[in-house]
Amino acid sequence: MDGFNELIHQPVRLRIMAALKALPDDAEVDFSTLRDVLKTTDGNLGAHLRKLEDAGYISVRKTFVNRKPRTFISLTPKGRAALEAHIAALKEIIAAAQ
């Protein structure tokens, strides 16, 4: 099925992508906030973020704020397009089942 994306379809990655898509186009969220929203562990979130980053779907920016490391995540245009195509494919599946 065109648009169905196995990488995005994994539940935690789908929730990451959905949370990022809910932000304004150029906005980013810090790692801790995303972890708390998704109720996942640091290690689990980090592993899923790496897969999405390797695919070019998200951007990860590391910086220091008040001498403390902070990681910020945002959705790339490629990631936004991939998620929209995946959502359209899911809608087709649902429509076919009705």
C-alpha atoms as a PDB file:
ATOM      1  CA  MET A   1       0.000   0.000   0.000  1.00  0.00           C
ATOM      2  CA  ASP A   2       1.429   3.373  -1.008  1.00  0.00           C
ATOM      3  CA  GLY A   3       2.222   5.597   1.918  1.00  0.00           C
ATOM      4  CA  PHE A   4       2.129   2.904   4.595  1.00  0.00           C
ATOM      5  CA  ASN A   5       5.368   3.320   6.513  1.00  0.00           C
ATOM      6  CA  GLU A   6       6.631   0.417   8.632  1.00  0.00           C
ATOM      7  CA  LEU A   7       9.171   2.664  10.378  1.00  0.00           C
ATOM      8  CA  ILE A   8       6.535   5.165  11.507  1.00  0.00           C
ATOM      9  CA  HIS A   9       3.895   2.518  12.234  1.00  0.00           C
ATOM     10  CA  GLN A  10       5.678   1.201  15.340  1.00  0.00           C
ATOM     11  CA  PRO A  11       3.523   2.537  18.244  1.00  0.00           C
ATOM     12  CA  VAL A  12       6.121   4.650  20.083  1.00  0.00           C
ATOM     13  CA  ARG A  13       7.461   6.136  16.839  1.00  0.00           C
ATOM     14  CA  LEU A  14       3.927   6.889  15.650  1.00  0.00           C
ATOM     15  CA  ARG A  15       3.242   8.696  18.924  1.00  0.00           C
ATOM     16  CA  ILE A  16       6.521  10.635  18.608  1.00  0.00           C
ATOM     17  CA  MET A  17       5.654  11.722  15.078  1.00  0.00           C
ATOM     18  CA  ALA A  18       2.094  12.675  16.077  1.00  0.00           C
ATOM     19  CA  ALA A  19       3.335  14.721  19.039  1.00  0.00           C
ATOM     20  CA  LEU A  20       5.824  16.565  16.834  1.00  0.00           C
ATOM     21  CA  LYS A  21       3.230  17.177  14.115  1.00  0.00           C
ATOM     22  CA  ALA A  22       0.971  18.815  16.714  1.00  0.00           C
ATOM     23  CA  LEU A  23       3.618  21.542  17.146  1.00  0.00           C
ATOM     24  CA  PRO A  24       3.831  24.580  14.842  1.00  0.00           C
ATOM     25  CA  ASP A  25       5.934  23.827  11.735  1.00  0.00           C
ATOM     26  CA  ASP A  26       9.251  25.236  12.990  1.00  0.00           C
ATOM     27  CA  ALA A  27       8.803  24.391  16.685  1.00  0.00           C
ATOM     28  CA  GLU A  28      10.827  21.905  18.660  1.00  0.00           C
ATOM     29  CA  VAL A  29      10.308  20.095  21.951  1.00  0.00           C
ATOM     30  CA  ASP A  30      12.908  19.149  24.519  1.00  0.00           C
ATOM     31  CA  PHE A  31      13.692  15.510  25.171  1.00  0.00           C
ATOM     32  CA  SER A  32      12.407  15.523  28.772  1.00  0.00           C
ATOM     33  CA  THR A  33       9.062  17.006  27.821  1.00  0.00           C
ATOM     34  CA  LEU A  34       8.597  14.491  25.001  1.00  0.00           C
ATOM     35  CA  ARG A  35       9.599  11.628  27.315  1.00  0.00           C
ATOM     36  CA  ASP A  36       7.070  12.776  29.926  1.00  0.00           C
ATOM     37  CA  VAL A  37       4.266  13.242  27.388  1.00  0.00           C
ATOM     38  CA  LEU A  38       4.847   9.781  25.929  1.00  0.00           C
ATOM     39  CA  LYS A  39       5.454   8.171  29.338  1.00  0.00           C
ATOM     40  CA  THR A  40       8.500   6.280  28.137  1.00  0.00           C
ATOM     41  CA  THR A  41      12.021   5.780  29.454  1.00  0.00           C
ATOM     42  CA  ASP A  42      15.055   7.768  28.354  1.00  0.00           C
ATOM     43  CA  GLY A  43      16.604   4.729  26.699  1.00  0.00           C
ATOM     44  CA  ASN A  44      13.447   3.687  24.874  1.00  0.00           C
ATOM     45  CA  LEU A  45      12.776   7.202  23.602  1.00  0.00           C
ATOM     46  CA  GLY A  46      16.410   7.654  22.588  1.00  0.00           C
ATOM     47  CA  ALA A  47      16.415   4.437  20.546  1.00  0.00           C
ATOM     48  CA  HIS A  48      13.248   5.399  18.676  1.00  0.00           C
ATOM     49  CA  LEU A  49      14.492   8.947  18.076  1.00  0.00           C
ATOM     50  CA  ARG A  50      17.700   7.549  16.556  1.00  0.00           C
ATOM     51  CA  LYS A  51      15.728   5.471  14.024  1.00  0.00           C
ATOM     52  CA  LEU A  52      13.591   8.471  13.050  1.00  0.00           C
ATOM     53  CA  GLU A  53      16.659  10.708  12.822  1.00  0.00           C
ATOM     54  CA  ASP A  54      18.517   8.157  10.667  1.00  0.00           C
ATOM     55  CA  ALA A  55      15.530   8.177   8.291  1.00  0.00           C
ATOM     56  CA  GLY A  56      15.638  11.979   8.114  1.00  0.00           C
ATOM     57  CA  TYR A  57      12.173  12.314   9.675  1.00  0.00           C
ATOM     58  CA  ILE A  58      13.268  14.319  12.706  1.00  0.00           C
ATOM     59  CA  SER A  59      16.014  16.749  13.584  1.00  0.00           C
ATOM     60  CA  VAL A  60      17.839  16.446  16.902  1.00  0.00           C
ATOM     61  CA  ARG A  61      19.655  19.510  18.231  1.00  0.00           C
ATOM     62  CA  LYS A  62      21.903  19.223  21.273  1.00  0.00           C
ATOM     63  CA  THR A  63      22.897  22.292  23.260  1.00  0.00           C
ATOM     64  CA  PHE A  64      23.629  23.520  26.776  1.00  0.00           C
ATOM     65  CA  VAL A  65      21.224  25.617  28.826  1.00  0.00           C
ATOM     66  CA  ASN A  66      22.656  26.975  32.078  1.00  0.00           C
ATOM     67  CA  ARG A  67      25.548  24.518  31.729  1.00  0.00           C
ATOM     68  CA  LYS A  68      23.183  21.562  31.469  1.00  0.00           C
ATOM     69  CA  PRO A  69      22.911  19.475  28.300  1.00  0.00           C
ATOM     70  CA  ARG A  70      19.549  19.750  26.556  1.00  0.00           C
ATOM     71  CA  THR A  71      18.257  17.939  23.498  1.00  0.00           C
ATOM     72  CA  PHE A  72      15.589  19.427  21.260  1.00  0.00           C
ATOM     73  CA  ILE A  73      13.611  17.475  18.659  1.00  0.00           C
ATOM     74  CA  SER A  74      11.657  18.739  15.664  1.00  0.00           C
ATOM     75  CA  LEU A  75       9.874  17.255  12.682  1.00  0.00           C
ATOM     76  CA  THR A  76      11.592  17.715   9.313  1.00  0.00           C
ATOM     77  CA  PRO A  77       9.668  18.444   6.107  1.00  0.00           C
ATOM     78  CA  LYS A  78      10.502  14.883   4.987  1.00  0.00           C
ATOM     79  CA  GLY A  79       9.110  13.536   8.254  1.00  0.00           C
ATOM     80  CA  ARG A  80       5.946  15.627   7.978  1.00  0.00           C
ATOM     81  CA  ALA A  81       5.349  14.331   4.435  1.00  0.00           C
ATOM     82  CA  ALA A  82       6.010  10.717   5.485  1.00  0.00           C
ATOM     83  CA  LEU A  83       3.589  10.993   8.397  1.00  0.00           C
ATOM     84  CA  GLU A  84       0.883  12.558   6.235  1.00  0.00           C
ATOM     85  CA  ALA A  85       1.280   9.757   3.673  1.00  0.00           C
ATOM     86  CA  HIS A  86       1.115   7.156   6.457  1.00  0.00           C
ATOM     87  CA  ILE A  87      -2.049   8.727   7.882  1.00  0.00           C
ATOM     88  CA  ALA A  88      -3.627   8.696   4.410  1.00  0.00           C
ATOM     89  CA  ALA A  89      -2.745   4.991   4.041  1.00  0.00           C
ATOM     90  CA  LEU A  90      -4.312   4.228   7.425  1.00  0.00           C
ATOM     91  CA  LYS A  91      -7.460   6.091   6.398  1.00  0.00           C
ATOM     92  CA  GLU A  92      -7.642   3.934   3.237  1.00  0.00           C
ATOM     93  CA  ILE A  93      -7.389   0.785   5.340  1.00  0.00           C
ATOM     94  CA  ILE A  94     -10.170   1.998   7.645  1.00  0.00           C
ATOM     95  CA  ALA A  95     -12.389   3.016   4.721  1.00  0.00           C
ATOM     96  CA  ALA A  96     -11.944  -0.404   3.109  1.00  0.00           C
ATOM     97  CA  ALA A  97     -13.002  -2.086   6.339  1.00  0.00           C
ATOM     98  CA  GLN A  98     -16.266  -0.153   6.621  1.00  0.00           C
END
